[in-house]
Amino acid sequence: MATTPFSSAHRLYVKSLYRRMLKNELDWVVRRDIWRGRALMIRAEFERNRDVHDPRALAQIFEKAEAELAERQHPDPYIPPAMPGGTKWERNIPPTIAPLYDHIAEGHH
């Protein structure tokens, strides 16, 4: 079994950074055919830095990537309509099943 020099926290951070960059590009470009080209460019950038094992060099790469992401952050990101903050969030909520007034708890029969 091959061992990797990086922890699972490092791998999770890289995945998170990759996903955030993809999502940010999707906020800027709605058409998937155009977005796909940009996604491939992001993937190529990650692949280019795949074999970097020096912690200091990695820290610089991550710092540069985070700064680039912060600089390109969309001012009004896309939120799916049914998700919290979306246009349909909590619209037409079904009524609760519980009784409005619990007569048994109040002692009335």
PDB file of N, CA and C in Angstrom:
ATOM      1  N   MET A   1       0.843  -1.182   0.000  1.00  0.00           N
ATOM      2  CA  MET A   1       0.000   0.000   0.000  1.00  0.00           C
ATOM      3  C   MET A   1       0.886   1.242   0.000  1.00  0.00           C
ATOM      4  N   ALA A   2       0.624   2.134  -0.901  1.00  0.00           N
ATOM      5  CA  ALA A   2       1.425   3.349  -1.006  1.00  0.00           C
ATOM      6  C   ALA A   2       0.974   4.353   0.046  1.00  0.00           C
ATOM      7  N   THR A   3       1.944   4.966   0.676  1.00  0.00           N
ATOM      8  CA  THR A   3       1.615   5.995   1.660  1.00  0.00           C
ATOM      9  C   THR A   3       1.800   7.356   1.023  1.00  0.00           C
ATOM     10  N   THR A   4       1.001   8.298   1.453  1.00  0.00           N
ATOM     11  CA  THR A   4       1.100   9.652   0.932  1.00  0.00           C
ATOM     12  C   THR A   4       1.711  10.544   2.007  1.00  0.00           C
ATOM     13  N   PRO A   5       2.476  11.545   1.616  1.00  0.00           N
ATOM     14  CA  PRO A   5       3.106  12.415   2.609  1.00  0.00           C
ATOM     15  C   PRO A   5       2.141  13.439   3.203  1.00  0.00           C
ATOM     16  N   PHE A   6       0.920  13.492   2.688  1.00  0.00           N
ATOM     17  CA  PHE A   6      -0.015  14.503   3.162  1.00  0.00           C
ATOM     18  C   PHE A   6      -1.129  13.880   3.989  1.00  0.00           C
ATOM     19  N   SER A   7      -1.640  14.656   4.919  1.00  0.00           N
ATOM     20  CA  SER A   7      -2.707  14.181   5.791  1.00  0.00           C
ATOM     21  C   SER A   7      -4.052  14.253   5.064  1.00  0.00           C
ATOM     22  N   SER A   8      -5.034  13.647   5.688  1.00  0.00           N
ATOM     23  CA  SER A   8      -6.374  13.709   5.099  1.00  0.00           C
ATOM     24  C   SER A   8      -6.912  15.143   5.162  1.00  0.00           C
ATOM     25  N   ALA A   9      -6.495  15.911   6.161  1.00  0.00           N
ATOM     26  CA  ALA A   9      -6.926  17.310   6.251  1.00  0.00           C
ATOM     27  C   ALA A   9      -6.403  18.101   5.053  1.00  0.00           C
ATOM     28  N   HIS A  10      -5.181  17.792   4.637  1.00  0.00           N
ATOM     29  CA  HIS A  10      -4.614  18.466   3.461  1.00  0.00           C
ATOM     30  C   HIS A  10      -5.425  18.126   2.213  1.00  0.00           C
ATOM     31  N   ARG A  11      -5.741  16.858   2.039  1.00  0.00           N
ATOM     32  CA  ARG A  11      -6.526  16.448   0.872  1.00  0.00           C
ATOM     33  C   ARG A  11      -7.909  17.090   0.889  1.00  0.00           C
ATOM     34  N   LEU A  12      -8.528  17.159   2.061  1.00  0.00           N
ATOM     35  CA  LEU A  12      -9.841  17.801   2.161  1.00  0.00           C
ATOM     36  C   LEU A  12      -9.759  19.293   1.822  1.00  0.00           C
ATOM     37  N   TYR A  13      -8.684  19.939   2.253  1.00  0.00           N
ATOM     38  CA  TYR A  13      -8.511  21.360   1.946  1.00  0.00           C
ATOM     39  C   TYR A  13      -8.359  21.571   0.441  1.00  0.00           C
ATOM     40  N   VAL A  14      -7.562  20.722  -0.200  1.00  0.00           N
ATOM     41  CA  VAL A  14      -7.356  20.860  -1.649  1.00  0.00           C
ATOM     42  C   VAL A  14      -8.671  20.627  -2.385  1.00  0.00           C
ATOM     43  N   LYS A  15      -9.429  19.613  -1.977  1.00  0.00           N
ATOM     44  CA  LYS A  15     -10.735  19.356  -2.605  1.00  0.00           C
ATOM     45  C   LYS A  15     -11.672  20.535  -2.403  1.00  0.00           C
ATOM     46  N   SER A  16     -11.670  21.095  -1.195  1.00  0.00           N
ATOM     47  CA  SER A  16     -12.535  22.234  -0.899  1.00  0.00           C
ATOM     48  C   SER A  16     -12.157  23.438  -1.762  1.00  0.00           C
ATOM     49  N   LEU A  17     -10.871  23.688  -1.878  1.00  0.00           N
ATOM     50  CA  LEU A  17     -10.406  24.800  -2.706  1.00  0.00           C
ATOM     51  C   LEU A  17     -10.806  24.594  -4.163  1.00  0.00           C
ATOM     52  N   TYR A  18     -10.641  23.388  -4.660  1.00  0.00           N
ATOM     53  CA  TYR A  18     -11.009  23.062  -6.045  1.00  0.00           C
ATOM     54  C   TYR A  18     -12.508  23.277  -6.274  1.00  0.00           C
ATOM     55  N   ARG A  19     -13.327  22.772  -5.362  1.00  0.00           N
ATOM     56  CA  ARG A  19     -14.777  22.929  -5.509  1.00  0.00           C
ATOM     57  C   ARG A  19     -15.201  24.388  -5.418  1.00  0.00           C
ATOM     58  N   ARG A  20     -14.599  25.137  -4.504  1.00  0.00           N
ATOM     59  CA  ARG A  20     -14.947  26.557  -4.386  1.00  0.00           C
ATOM     60  C   ARG A  20     -14.583  27.317  -5.652  1.00  0.00           C
ATOM     61  N   MET A  21     -13.445  26.965  -6.254  1.00  0.00           N
ATOM     62  CA  MET A  21     -13.052  27.635  -7.498  1.00  0.00           C
ATOM     63  C   MET A  21     -14.014  27.288  -8.631  1.00  0.00           C
ATOM     64  N   LEU A  22     -14.415  26.019  -8.717  1.00  0.00           N
ATOM     65  CA  LEU A  22     -15.374  25.624  -9.752  1.00  0.00           C
ATOM     66  C   LEU A  22     -16.710  26.329  -9.557  1.00  0.00           C
ATOM     67  N   LYS A  23     -17.197  26.362  -8.319  1.00  0.00           N
ATOM     68  CA  LYS A  23     -18.478  26.997  -8.044  1.00  0.00           C
ATOM     69  C   LYS A  23     -18.427  28.489  -8.355  1.00  0.00           C
ATOM     70  N   ASN A  24     -17.319  29.132  -8.019  1.00  0.00           N
ATOM     71  CA  ASN A  24     -17.198  30.549  -8.309  1.00  0.00           C
ATOM     72  C   ASN A  24     -17.233  30.803  -9.812  1.00  0.00           C
ATOM     73  N   GLU A  25     -16.574  29.955 -10.585  1.00  0.00           N
ATOM     74  CA  GLU A  25     -16.623  30.102 -12.046  1.00  0.00           C
ATOM     75  C   GLU A  25     -18.041  29.894 -12.559  1.00  0.00           C
ATOM     76  N   LEU A  26     -18.760  28.963 -11.966  1.00  0.00           N
ATOM     77  CA  LEU A  26     -20.142  28.725 -12.384  1.00  0.00           C
ATOM     78  C   LEU A  26     -21.040  29.911 -12.030  1.00  0.00           C
ATOM     79  N   ASP A  27     -20.686  30.639 -10.966  1.00  0.00           N
ATOM     80  CA  ASP A  27     -21.435  31.862 -10.645  1.00  0.00           C
ATOM     81  C   ASP A  27     -21.235  32.927 -11.718  1.00  0.00           C
ATOM     82  N   TRP A  28     -20.052  32.988 -12.288  1.00  0.00           N
ATOM     83  CA  TRP A  28     -19.756  33.988 -13.308  1.00  0.00           C
ATOM     84  C   TRP A  28     -20.283  33.583 -14.680  1.00  0.00           C
ATOM     85  N   VAL A  29     -20.203  32.302 -15.011  1.00  0.00           N
ATOM     86  CA  VAL A  29     -20.581  31.818 -16.340  1.00  0.00           C
ATOM     87  C   VAL A  29     -21.716  30.818 -16.176  1.00  0.00           C
ATOM     88  N   VAL A  30     -22.892  31.158 -16.622  1.00  0.00           N
ATOM     89  CA  VAL A  30     -24.056  30.292 -16.439  1.00  0.00           C
ATOM     90  C   VAL A  30     -24.077  29.169 -17.476  1.00  0.00           C
ATOM     91  N   ARG A  31     -23.646  29.466 -18.679  1.00  0.00           N
ATOM     92  CA  ARG A  31     -23.673  28.444 -19.735  1.00  0.00           C
ATOM     93  C   ARG A  31     -22.632  27.370 -19.465  1.00  0.00           C
ATOM     94  N   ARG A  32     -23.084  26.115 -19.377  1.00  0.00           N
ATOM     95  CA  ARG A  32     -22.193  25.009 -19.034  1.00  0.00           C
ATOM     96  C   ARG A  32     -21.133  24.747 -20.087  1.00  0.00           C
ATOM     97  N   ASP A  33     -21.413  24.984 -21.343  1.00  0.00           N
ATOM     98  CA  ASP A  33     -20.418  24.721 -22.376  1.00  0.00           C
ATOM     99  C   ASP A  33     -19.229  25.672 -22.254  1.00  0.00           C
ATOM    100  N   ILE A  34     -19.471  26.908 -21.883  1.00  0.00           N
ATOM    101  CA  ILE A  34     -18.383  27.860 -21.667  1.00  0.00           C
ATOM    102  C   ILE A  34     -17.696  27.562 -20.336  1.00  0.00           C
ATOM    103  N   TRP A  35     -18.490  27.256 -19.315  1.00  0.00           N
ATOM    104  CA  TRP A  35     -17.938  26.941 -17.992  1.00  0.00           C
ATOM    105  C   TRP A  35     -17.025  25.719 -18.041  1.00  0.00           C
ATOM    106  N   ARG A  36     -17.356  24.754 -18.862  1.00  0.00           N
ATOM    107  CA  ARG A  36     -16.552  23.536 -18.944  1.00  0.00           C
ATOM    108  C   ARG A  36     -15.109  23.828 -19.352  1.00  0.00           C
ATOM    109  N   GLY A  37     -14.918  24.750 -20.287  1.00  0.00           N
ATOM    110  CA  GLY A  37     -13.565  25.142 -20.677  1.00  0.00           C
ATOM    111  C   GLY A  37     -12.793  25.767 -19.520  1.00  0.00           C
ATOM    112  N   ARG A  38     -13.471  26.594 -18.754  1.00  0.00           N
ATOM    113  CA  ARG A  38     -12.829  27.213 -17.595  1.00  0.00           C
ATOM    114  C   ARG A  38     -12.550  26.174 -16.510  1.00  0.00           C
ATOM    115  N   ALA A  39     -13.451  25.212 -16.359  1.00  0.00           N
ATOM    116  CA  ALA A  39     -13.238  24.139 -15.382  1.00  0.00           C
ATOM    117  C   ALA A  39     -12.015  23.312 -15.754  1.00  0.00           C
ATOM    118  N   LEU A  40     -11.819  23.079 -17.035  1.00  0.00           N
ATOM    119  CA  LEU A  40     -10.639  22.333 -17.476  1.00  0.00           C
ATOM    120  C   LEU A  40      -9.359  23.131 -17.212  1.00  0.00           C
ATOM    121  N   MET A  41      -9.415  24.442 -17.328  1.00  0.00           N
ATOM    122  CA  MET A  41      -8.244  25.262 -17.020  1.00  0.00           C
ATOM    123  C   MET A  41      -7.917  25.204 -15.525  1.00  0.00           C
ATOM    124  N   ILE A  42      -8.946  25.223 -14.685  1.00  0.00           N
ATOM    125  CA  ILE A  42      -8.730  25.114 -13.238  1.00  0.00           C
ATOM    126  C   ILE A  42      -8.131  23.755 -12.909  1.00  0.00           C
ATOM    127  N   ARG A  43      -8.668  22.712 -13.524  1.00  0.00           N
ATOM    128  CA  ARG A  43      -8.140  21.372 -13.289  1.00  0.00           C
ATOM    129  C   ARG A  43      -6.681  21.269 -13.734  1.00  0.00           C
ATOM    130  N   ALA A  44      -6.340  21.875 -14.854  1.00  0.00           N
ATOM    131  CA  ALA A  44      -4.956  21.849 -15.334  1.00  0.00           C
ATOM    132  C   ALA A  44      -4.026  22.546 -14.346  1.00  0.00           C
ATOM    133  N   GLU A  45      -4.489  23.621 -13.739  1.00  0.00           N
ATOM    134  CA  GLU A  45      -3.683  24.319 -12.740  1.00  0.00           C
ATOM    135  C   GLU A  45      -3.435  23.430 -11.520  1.00  0.00           C
ATOM    136  N   PHE A  46      -4.458  22.719 -11.086  1.00  0.00           N
ATOM    137  CA  PHE A  46      -4.292  21.809  -9.943  1.00  0.00           C
ATOM    138  C   PHE A  46      -3.361  20.653 -10.315  1.00  0.00           C
ATOM    139  N   GLU A  47      -3.506  20.130 -11.517  1.00  0.00           N
ATOM    140  CA  GLU A  47      -2.639  19.030 -11.962  1.00  0.00           C
ATOM    141  C   GLU A  47      -1.192  19.492 -12.092  1.00  0.00           C
ATOM    142  N   ARG A  48      -0.977  20.725 -12.492  1.00  0.00           N
ATOM    143  CA  ARG A  48       0.372  21.258 -12.638  1.00  0.00           C
ATOM    144  C   ARG A  48       1.093  21.297 -11.286  1.00  0.00           C
ATOM    145  N   ASN A  49       0.353  21.520 -10.225  1.00  0.00           N
ATOM    146  CA  ASN A  49       0.944  21.601  -8.884  1.00  0.00           C
ATOM    147  C   ASN A  49       0.810  20.300  -8.100  1.00  0.00           C
ATOM    148  N   ARG A  50       0.408  19.249  -8.744  1.00  0.00           N
ATOM    149  CA  ARG A  50       0.166  17.973  -8.068  1.00  0.00           C
ATOM    150  C   ARG A  50       1.424  17.375  -7.433  1.00  0.00           C
ATOM    151  N   ASP A  51       2.562  17.544  -8.077  1.00  0.00           N
ATOM    152  CA  ASP A  51       3.787  16.912  -7.607  1.00  0.00           C
ATOM    153  C   ASP A  51       4.621  17.805  -6.690  1.00  0.00           C
ATOM    154  N   VAL A  52       4.081  18.915  -6.246  1.00  0.00           N
ATOM    155  CA  VAL A  52       4.798  19.783  -5.313  1.00  0.00           C
ATOM    156  C   VAL A  52       4.662  19.179  -3.920  1.00  0.00           C
ATOM    157  N   HIS A  53       5.811  18.902  -3.272  1.00  0.00           N
ATOM    158  CA  HIS A  53       5.787  18.276  -1.952  1.00  0.00           C
ATOM    159  C   HIS A  53       6.417  19.147  -0.873  1.00  0.00           C
ATOM    160  N   ASP A  54       7.014  20.257  -1.282  1.00  0.00           N
ATOM    161  CA  ASP A  54       7.630  21.163  -0.316  1.00  0.00           C
ATOM    162  C   ASP A  54       6.543  21.960   0.401  1.00  0.00           C
ATOM    163  N   PRO A  55       6.490  21.862   1.741  1.00  0.00           N
ATOM    164  CA  PRO A  55       5.424  22.569   2.479  1.00  0.00           C
ATOM    165  C   PRO A  55       5.427  24.078   2.271  1.00  0.00           C
ATOM    166  N   ARG A  56       6.603  24.676   2.157  1.00  0.00           N
ATOM    167  CA  ARG A  56       6.655  26.134   1.949  1.00  0.00           C
ATOM    168  C   ARG A  56       6.133  26.519   0.571  1.00  0.00           C
ATOM    169  N   ALA A  57       6.513  25.733  -0.423  1.00  0.00           N
ATOM    170  CA  ALA A  57       6.018  26.013  -1.782  1.00  0.00           C
ATOM    171  C   ALA A  57       4.506  25.809  -1.840  1.00  0.00           C
ATOM    172  N   LEU A  58       4.020  24.769  -1.163  1.00  0.00           N
ATOM    173  CA  LEU A  58       2.568  24.533  -1.123  1.00  0.00           C
ATOM    174  C   LEU A  58       1.848  25.685  -0.439  1.00  0.00           C
ATOM    175  N   ALA A  59       2.414  26.181   0.644  1.00  0.00           N
ATOM    176  CA  ALA A  59       1.787  27.302   1.350  1.00  0.00           C
ATOM    177  C   ALA A  59       1.690  28.518   0.438  1.00  0.00           C
ATOM    178  N   GLN A  60       2.721  28.770  -0.357  1.00  0.00           N
ATOM    179  CA  GLN A  60       2.680  29.894  -1.288  1.00  0.00           C
ATOM    180  C   GLN A  60       1.630  29.678  -2.376  1.00  0.00           C
ATOM    181  N   ILE A  61       1.553  28.444  -2.878  1.00  0.00           N
ATOM    182  CA  ILE A  61       0.561  28.128  -3.910  1.00  0.00           C
ATOM    183  C   ILE A  61      -0.851  28.315  -3.362  1.00  0.00           C
ATOM    184  N   PHE A  62      -1.085  27.825  -2.139  1.00  0.00           N
ATOM    185  CA  PHE A  62      -2.419  27.957  -1.534  1.00  0.00           C
ATOM    186  C   PHE A  62      -2.750  29.415  -1.259  1.00  0.00           C
ATOM    187  N   GLU A  63      -1.772  30.154  -0.789  1.00  0.00           N
ATOM    188  CA  GLU A  63      -2.007  31.575  -0.508  1.00  0.00           C
ATOM    189  C   GLU A  63      -2.367  32.318  -1.788  1.00  0.00           C
ATOM    190  N   LYS A  64      -1.646  32.022  -2.863  1.00  0.00           N
ATOM    191  CA  LYS A  64      -1.928  32.655  -4.159  1.00  0.00           C
ATOM    192  C   LYS A  64      -3.319  32.262  -4.664  1.00  0.00           C
ATOM    193  N   ALA A  65      -3.667  30.978  -4.526  1.00  0.00           N
ATOM    194  CA  ALA A  65      -4.973  30.507  -4.995  1.00  0.00           C
ATOM    195  C   ALA A  65      -6.111  31.127  -4.187  1.00  0.00           C
ATOM    196  N   GLU A  66      -5.944  31.213  -2.867  1.00  0.00           N
ATOM    197  CA  GLU A  66      -6.985  31.826  -2.033  1.00  0.00           C
ATOM    198  C   GLU A  66      -7.145  33.312  -2.357  1.00  0.00           C
ATOM    199  N   ALA A  67      -6.028  33.990  -2.593  1.00  0.00           N
ATOM    200  CA  ALA A  67      -6.101  35.415  -2.945  1.00  0.00           C
ATOM    201  C   ALA A  67      -6.799  35.597  -4.289  1.00  0.00           C
ATOM    202  N   GLU A  68      -6.476  34.736  -5.245  1.00  0.00           N
ATOM    203  CA  GLU A  68      -7.127  34.801  -6.557  1.00  0.00           C
ATOM    204  C   GLU A  68      -8.622  34.533  -6.443  1.00  0.00           C
ATOM    205  N   LEU A  69      -8.971  33.560  -5.622  1.00  0.00           N
ATOM    206  CA  LEU A  69     -10.392  33.241  -5.419  1.00  0.00           C
ATOM    207  C   LEU A  69     -11.116  34.408  -4.751  1.00  0.00           C
ATOM    208  N   ALA A  70     -10.498  35.006  -3.752  1.00  0.00           N
ATOM    209  CA  ALA A  70     -11.120  36.149  -3.070  1.00  0.00           C
ATOM    210  C   ALA A  70     -11.273  37.340  -4.010  1.00  0.00           C
ATOM    211  N   GLU A  71     -10.293  37.520  -4.882  1.00  0.00           N
ATOM    212  CA  GLU A  71     -10.344  38.630  -5.841  1.00  0.00           C
ATOM    213  C   GLU A  71     -11.448  38.431  -6.880  1.00  0.00           C
ATOM    214  N   ARG A  72     -11.648  37.189  -7.286  1.00  0.00           N
ATOM    215  CA  ARG A  72     -12.636  36.889  -8.321  1.00  0.00           C
ATOM    216  C   ARG A  72     -13.999  36.481  -7.764  1.00  0.00           C
ATOM    217  N   GLN A  73     -14.195  36.596  -6.473  1.00  0.00           N
ATOM    218  CA  GLN A  73     -15.454  36.181  -5.850  1.00  0.00           C
ATOM    219  C   GLN A  73     -16.622  36.953  -6.456  1.00  0.00           C
ATOM    220  N   HIS A  74     -17.662  36.238  -6.814  1.00  0.00           N
ATOM    221  CA  HIS A  74     -18.832  36.872  -7.426  1.00  0.00           C
ATOM    222  C   HIS A  74     -19.602  37.661  -6.371  1.00  0.00           C
ATOM    223  N   PRO A  75     -20.037  38.890  -6.670  1.00  0.00           N
ATOM    224  CA  PRO A  75     -20.752  39.687  -5.674  1.00  0.00           C
ATOM    225  C   PRO A  75     -22.152  39.172  -5.371  1.00  0.00           C
ATOM    226  N   ASP A  76     -22.746  38.448  -6.290  1.00  0.00           N
ATOM    227  CA  ASP A  76     -24.096  37.922  -6.090  1.00  0.00           C
ATOM    228  C   ASP A  76     -24.115  36.461  -6.549  1.00  0.00           C
ATOM    229  N   PRO A  77     -23.598  35.543  -5.721  1.00  0.00           N
ATOM    230  CA  PRO A  77     -23.487  34.139  -6.159  1.00  0.00           C
ATOM    231  C   PRO A  77     -24.850  33.496  -6.364  1.00  0.00           C
ATOM    232  N   TYR A  78     -24.852  32.503  -7.243  1.00  0.00           N
ATOM    233  CA  TYR A  78     -26.077  31.770  -7.542  1.00  0.00           C
ATOM    234  C   TYR A  78     -26.450  30.887  -6.356  1.00  0.00           C
ATOM    235  N   ILE A  79     -27.703  30.937  -5.947  1.00  0.00           N
ATOM    236  CA  ILE A  79     -28.233  30.077  -4.896  1.00  0.00           C
ATOM    237  C   ILE A  79     -29.397  29.309  -5.499  1.00  0.00           C
ATOM    238  N   PRO A  80     -29.370  27.972  -5.459  1.00  0.00           N
ATOM    239  CA  PRO A  80     -30.513  27.221  -5.990  1.00  0.00           C
ATOM    240  C   PRO A  80     -31.806  27.663  -5.300  1.00  0.00           C
ATOM    241  N   PRO A  81     -32.904  27.763  -6.032  1.00  0.00           N
ATOM    242  CA  PRO A  81     -34.137  28.330  -5.479  1.00  0.00           C
ATOM    243  C   PRO A  81     -34.635  27.673  -4.199  1.00  0.00           C
ATOM    244  N   ALA A  82     -34.537  26.362  -4.079  1.00  0.00           N
ATOM    245  CA  ALA A  82     -35.091  25.683  -2.912  1.00  0.00           C
ATOM    246  C   ALA A  82     -34.123  25.617  -1.728  1.00  0.00           C
ATOM    247  N   MET A  83     -32.918  26.125  -1.881  1.00  0.00           N
ATOM    248  CA  MET A  83     -31.933  26.092  -0.800  1.00  0.00           C
ATOM    249  C   MET A  83     -32.100  27.331   0.090  1.00  0.00           C
ATOM    250  N   PRO A  84     -31.574  27.288   1.332  1.00  0.00           N
ATOM    251  CA  PRO A  84     -31.679  28.476   2.207  1.00  0.00           C
ATOM    252  C   PRO A  84     -31.103  29.708   1.525  1.00  0.00           C
ATOM    253  N   GLY A  85     -31.895  30.758   1.506  1.00  0.00           N
ATOM    254  CA  GLY A  85     -31.488  31.985   0.835  1.00  0.00           C
ATOM    255  C   GLY A  85     -31.982  32.078  -0.603  1.00  0.00           C
ATOM    256  N   GLY A  86     -32.512  30.976  -1.145  1.00  0.00           N
ATOM    257  CA  GLY A  86     -33.028  30.971  -2.505  1.00  0.00           C
ATOM    258  C   GLY A  86     -34.403  31.613  -2.573  1.00  0.00           C
ATOM    259  N   THR A  87     -34.883  31.833  -3.786  1.00  0.00           N
ATOM    260  CA  THR A  87     -36.155  32.534  -3.968  1.00  0.00           C
ATOM    261  C   THR A  87     -37.368  31.717  -3.545  1.00  0.00           C
ATOM    262  N   LYS A  88     -37.253  30.393  -3.496  1.00  0.00           N
ATOM    263  CA  LYS A  88     -38.378  29.555  -3.094  1.00  0.00           C
ATOM    264  C   LYS A  88     -38.225  28.988  -1.685  1.00  0.00           C
ATOM    265  N   TRP A  89     -37.188  29.407  -0.963  1.00  0.00           N
ATOM    266  CA  TRP A  89     -36.940  28.857   0.360  1.00  0.00           C
ATOM    267  C   TRP A  89     -38.105  29.161   1.293  1.00  0.00           C
ATOM    268  N   GLU A  90     -38.642  28.120   1.881  1.00  0.00           N
ATOM    269  CA  GLU A  90     -39.753  28.170   2.825  1.00  0.00           C
ATOM    270  C   GLU A  90     -41.022  28.777   2.235  1.00  0.00           C
ATOM    271  N   ARG A  91     -41.184  28.660   0.932  1.00  0.00           N
ATOM    272  CA  ARG A  91     -42.416  29.116   0.303  1.00  0.00           C
ATOM    273  C   ARG A  91     -43.421  27.975   0.363  1.00  0.00           C
ATOM    274  N   ASN A  92     -44.624  28.265   0.767  1.00  0.00           N
ATOM    275  CA  ASN A  92     -45.701  27.284   0.875  1.00  0.00           C
ATOM    276  C   ASN A  92     -45.298  26.097   1.744  1.00  0.00           C
ATOM    277  N   ILE A  93     -44.896  26.397   2.953  1.00  0.00           N
ATOM    278  CA  ILE A  93     -44.519  25.348   3.892  1.00  0.00           C
ATOM    279  C   ILE A  93     -45.775  24.556   4.256  1.00  0.00           C
ATOM    280  N   PRO A  94     -45.698  23.212   4.233  1.00  0.00           N
ATOM    281  CA  PRO A  94     -46.872  22.435   4.617  1.00  0.00           C
ATOM    282  C   PRO A  94     -47.191  22.661   6.100  1.00  0.00           C
ATOM    283  N   PRO A  95     -48.477  22.647   6.447  1.00  0.00           N
ATOM    284  CA  PRO A  95     -48.845  22.881   7.852  1.00  0.00           C
ATOM    285  C   PRO A  95     -48.359  21.736   8.739  1.00  0.00           C
ATOM    286  N   THR A  96     -48.175  22.051  10.010  1.00  0.00           N
ATOM    287  CA  THR A  96     -47.730  21.036  10.959  1.00  0.00           C
ATOM    288  C   THR A  96     -48.841  20.018  11.198  1.00  0.00           C
ATOM    289  N   ILE A  97     -48.448  18.809  11.537  1.00  0.00           N
ATOM    290  CA  ILE A  97     -49.406  17.735  11.788  1.00  0.00           C
ATOM    291  C   ILE A  97     -49.956  17.820  13.214  1.00  0.00           C
ATOM    292  N   ALA A  98     -49.196  18.378  14.124  1.00  0.00           N
ATOM    293  CA  ALA A  98     -49.592  18.455  15.529  1.00  0.00           C
ATOM    294  C   ALA A  98     -50.820  19.355  15.682  1.00  0.00           C
ATOM    295  N   PRO A  99     -51.625  19.107  16.717  1.00  0.00           N
ATOM    296  CA  PRO A  99     -52.786  19.969  16.951  1.00  0.00           C
ATOM    297  C   PRO A  99     -52.340  21.373  17.356  1.00  0.00           C
ATOM    298  N   LEU A 100     -53.166  22.358  17.027  1.00  0.00           N
ATOM    299  CA  LEU A 100     -52.829  23.726  17.377  1.00  0.00           C
ATOM    300  C   LEU A 100     -52.877  23.951  18.882  1.00  0.00           C
ATOM    301  N   TYR A 101     -53.810  23.269  19.556  1.00  0.00           N
ATOM    302  CA  TYR A 101     -53.926  23.399  21.004  1.00  0.00           C
ATOM    303  C   TYR A 101     -54.022  21.995  21.574  1.00  0.00           C
ATOM    304  N   ASP A 102     -53.125  21.662  22.470  1.00  0.00           N
ATOM    305  CA  ASP A 102     -53.093  20.309  23.036  1.00  0.00           C
ATOM    306  C   ASP A 102     -53.983  20.266  24.272  1.00  0.00           C
ATOM    307  N   HIS A 103     -55.218  19.779  24.096  1.00  0.00           N
ATOM    308  CA  HIS A 103     -56.187  19.713  25.183  1.00  0.00           C
ATOM    309  C   HIS A 103     -55.774  18.702  26.235  1.00  0.00           C
ATOM    310  N   ILE A 104     -55.154  17.641  25.860  1.00  0.00           N
ATOM    311  CA  ILE A 104     -54.763  16.603  26.826  1.00  0.00           C
ATOM    312  C   ILE A 104     -53.674  17.121  27.747  1.00  0.00           C
ATOM    313  N   ALA A 105     -52.734  17.858  27.247  1.00  0.00           N
ATOM    314  CA  ALA A 105     -51.667  18.389  28.079  1.00  0.00           C
ATOM    315  C   ALA A 105     -52.186  19.419  29.067  1.00  0.00           C
ATOM    316  N   GLU A 106     -53.253  20.126  28.709  1.00  0.00           N
ATOM    317  CA  GLU A 106     -53.819  21.153  29.580  1.00  0.00           C
ATOM    318  C   GLU A 106     -54.767  20.559  30.631  1.00  0.00           C
ATOM    319  N   GLY A 107     -55.088  19.291  30.530  1.00  0.00           N
ATOM    320  CA  GLY A 107     -55.952  18.664  31.504  1.00  0.00           C
ATOM    321  C   GLY A 107     -57.432  18.729  31.164  1.00  0.00           C
ATOM    322  N   HIS A 108     -57.814  19.223  30.015  1.00  0.00           N
ATOM    323  CA  HIS A 108     -59.209  19.285  29.595  1.00  0.00           C
ATOM    324  C   HIS A 108     -59.556  18.024  28.829  1.00  0.00           C
ATOM    325  N   HIS A 109     -60.731  17.496  29.065  1.00  0.00           N
ATOM    326  CA  HIS A 109     -61.137  16.275  28.348  1.00  0.00           C
ATOM    327  C   HIS A 109     -62.292  16.528  27.485  1.00  0.00           C
TER     328      HIS A 109
END
